[in-house]
């Protein structure tokens, strides 16, 4: 049970979403969401690397 919804209720909601948006559009939205999450993670990692390089430069002085 997720948030008080049973499996049958989740399947009905999923069916309605597929009917409204279509399978292709849902797949495209999922791909865009995944790309956005990946971009966010990459930006966090680059910020961490920048901070680490600043820390090592300040330690050298």
C-alpha atoms as a PDB file:
ATOM      1  CA  UNK A   1       0.000   0.000   0.000  1.00  0.00           C
ATOM      2  CA  UNK A   2       1.426   3.367  -1.057  1.00  0.00           C
ATOM      3  CA  UNK A   3      -0.193   6.342   0.628  1.00  0.00           C
ATOM      4  CA  UNK A   4      -3.376   4.413   1.294  1.00  0.00           C
ATOM      5  CA  UNK A   5      -3.772   3.242  -2.337  1.00  0.00           C
ATOM      6  CA  UNK A   6      -4.108  -0.432  -3.119  1.00  0.00           C
ATOM      7  CA  UNK A   7      -2.650  -2.160  -6.161  1.00  0.00           C
ATOM      8  CA  UNK A   8      -5.920  -2.130  -8.090  1.00  0.00           C
ATOM      9  CA  UNK A   9      -6.345   1.597  -7.531  1.00  0.00           C
ATOM     10  CA  UNK A  10      -2.779   2.260  -8.704  1.00  0.00           C
ATOM     11  CA  UNK A  11      -3.370   0.185 -11.845  1.00  0.00           C
ATOM     12  CA  UNK A  12      -6.555   2.119 -12.626  1.00  0.00           C
ATOM     13  CA  UNK A  13      -4.714   5.428 -12.229  1.00  0.00           C
ATOM     14  CA  UNK A  14      -1.872   4.155 -14.424  1.00  0.00           C
ATOM     15  CA  UNK A  15      -4.382   3.094 -17.079  1.00  0.00           C
ATOM     16  CA  UNK A  16      -6.022   6.522 -17.099  1.00  0.00           C
ATOM     17  CA  UNK A  17      -2.633   8.240 -17.420  1.00  0.00           C
ATOM     18  CA  UNK A  18      -1.695   5.994 -20.355  1.00  0.00           C
ATOM     19  CA  UNK A  19      -5.013   6.739 -22.065  1.00  0.00           C
ATOM     20  CA  UNK A  20      -4.611  10.502 -21.572  1.00  0.00           C
ATOM     21  CA  UNK A  21      -0.961  10.875 -22.543  1.00  0.00           C
ATOM     22  CA  UNK A  22      -0.176   7.798 -24.601  1.00  0.00           C
ATOM     23  CA  UNK A  23       2.707   5.387 -24.146  1.00  0.00           C
ATOM     24  CA  UNK A  24       5.144   7.349 -26.338  1.00  0.00           C
ATOM     25  CA  UNK A  25       4.705  10.607 -24.488  1.00  0.00           C
ATOM     26  CA  UNK A  26       5.080   8.941 -21.091  1.00  0.00           C
ATOM     27  CA  UNK A  27       8.337   7.338 -22.260  1.00  0.00           C
ATOM     28  CA  UNK A  28       9.595  10.678 -23.538  1.00  0.00           C
ATOM     29  CA  UNK A  29       8.730  12.384 -20.255  1.00  0.00           C
ATOM     30  CA  UNK A  30      10.510   9.629 -18.335  1.00  0.00           C
ATOM     31  CA  UNK A  31      13.618  10.066 -20.474  1.00  0.00           C
ATOM     32  CA  UNK A  32      13.590  13.831 -19.955  1.00  0.00           C
ATOM     33  CA  UNK A  33      13.165  13.370 -16.219  1.00  0.00           C
ATOM     34  CA  UNK A  34      16.095  10.947 -16.138  1.00  0.00           C
ATOM     35  CA  UNK A  35      18.273  13.366 -18.121  1.00  0.00           C
ATOM     36  CA  UNK A  36      17.372  16.160 -15.711  1.00  0.00           C
ATOM     37  CA  UNK A  37      18.278  14.069 -12.685  1.00  0.00           C
ATOM     38  CA  UNK A  38      21.567  13.042 -14.305  1.00  0.00           C
ATOM     39  CA  UNK A  39      22.394  16.674 -15.070  1.00  0.00           C
ATOM     40  CA  UNK A  40      21.639  17.635 -11.477  1.00  0.00           C
ATOM     41  CA  UNK A  41      23.899  14.882 -10.125  1.00  0.00           C
ATOM     42  CA  UNK A  42      26.687  15.859 -12.524  1.00  0.00           C
ATOM     43  CA  UNK A  43      26.483  19.490 -11.418  1.00  0.00           C
ATOM     44  CA  UNK A  44      26.662  18.460  -7.759  1.00  0.00           C
ATOM     45  CA  UNK A  45      29.727  16.314  -8.452  1.00  0.00           C
ATOM     46  CA  UNK A  46      31.450  19.134 -10.340  1.00  0.00           C
ATOM     47  CA  UNK A  47      30.748  21.532  -7.463  1.00  0.00           C
ATOM     48  CA  UNK A  48      32.250  19.017  -5.015  1.00  0.00           C
ATOM     49  CA  UNK A  49      35.351  18.680  -7.192  1.00  0.00           C
ATOM     50  CA  UNK A  50      35.700  22.477  -7.365  1.00  0.00           C
ATOM     51  CA  UNK A  51      35.403  22.747  -3.588  1.00  0.00           C
ATOM     52  CA  UNK A  52      37.973  19.992  -3.078  1.00  0.00           C
ATOM     53  CA  UNK A  53      40.434  21.681  -5.427  1.00  0.00           C
ATOM     54  CA  UNK A  54      39.961  24.996  -3.600  1.00  0.00           C
ATOM     55  CA  UNK A  55      40.556  23.250  -0.274  1.00  0.00           C
ATOM     56  CA  UNK A  56      43.797  21.633  -1.470  1.00  0.00           C
ATOM     57  CA  UNK A  57      45.034  24.956  -2.899  1.00  0.00           C
ATOM     58  CA  UNK A  58      44.325  26.749   0.381  1.00  0.00           C
ATOM     59  CA  UNK A  59      46.096  23.961   2.310  1.00  0.00           C
ATOM     60  CA  UNK A  60      49.213  24.386   0.173  1.00  0.00           C
ATOM     61  CA  UNK A  61      49.576  28.074   1.109  1.00  0.00           C
END
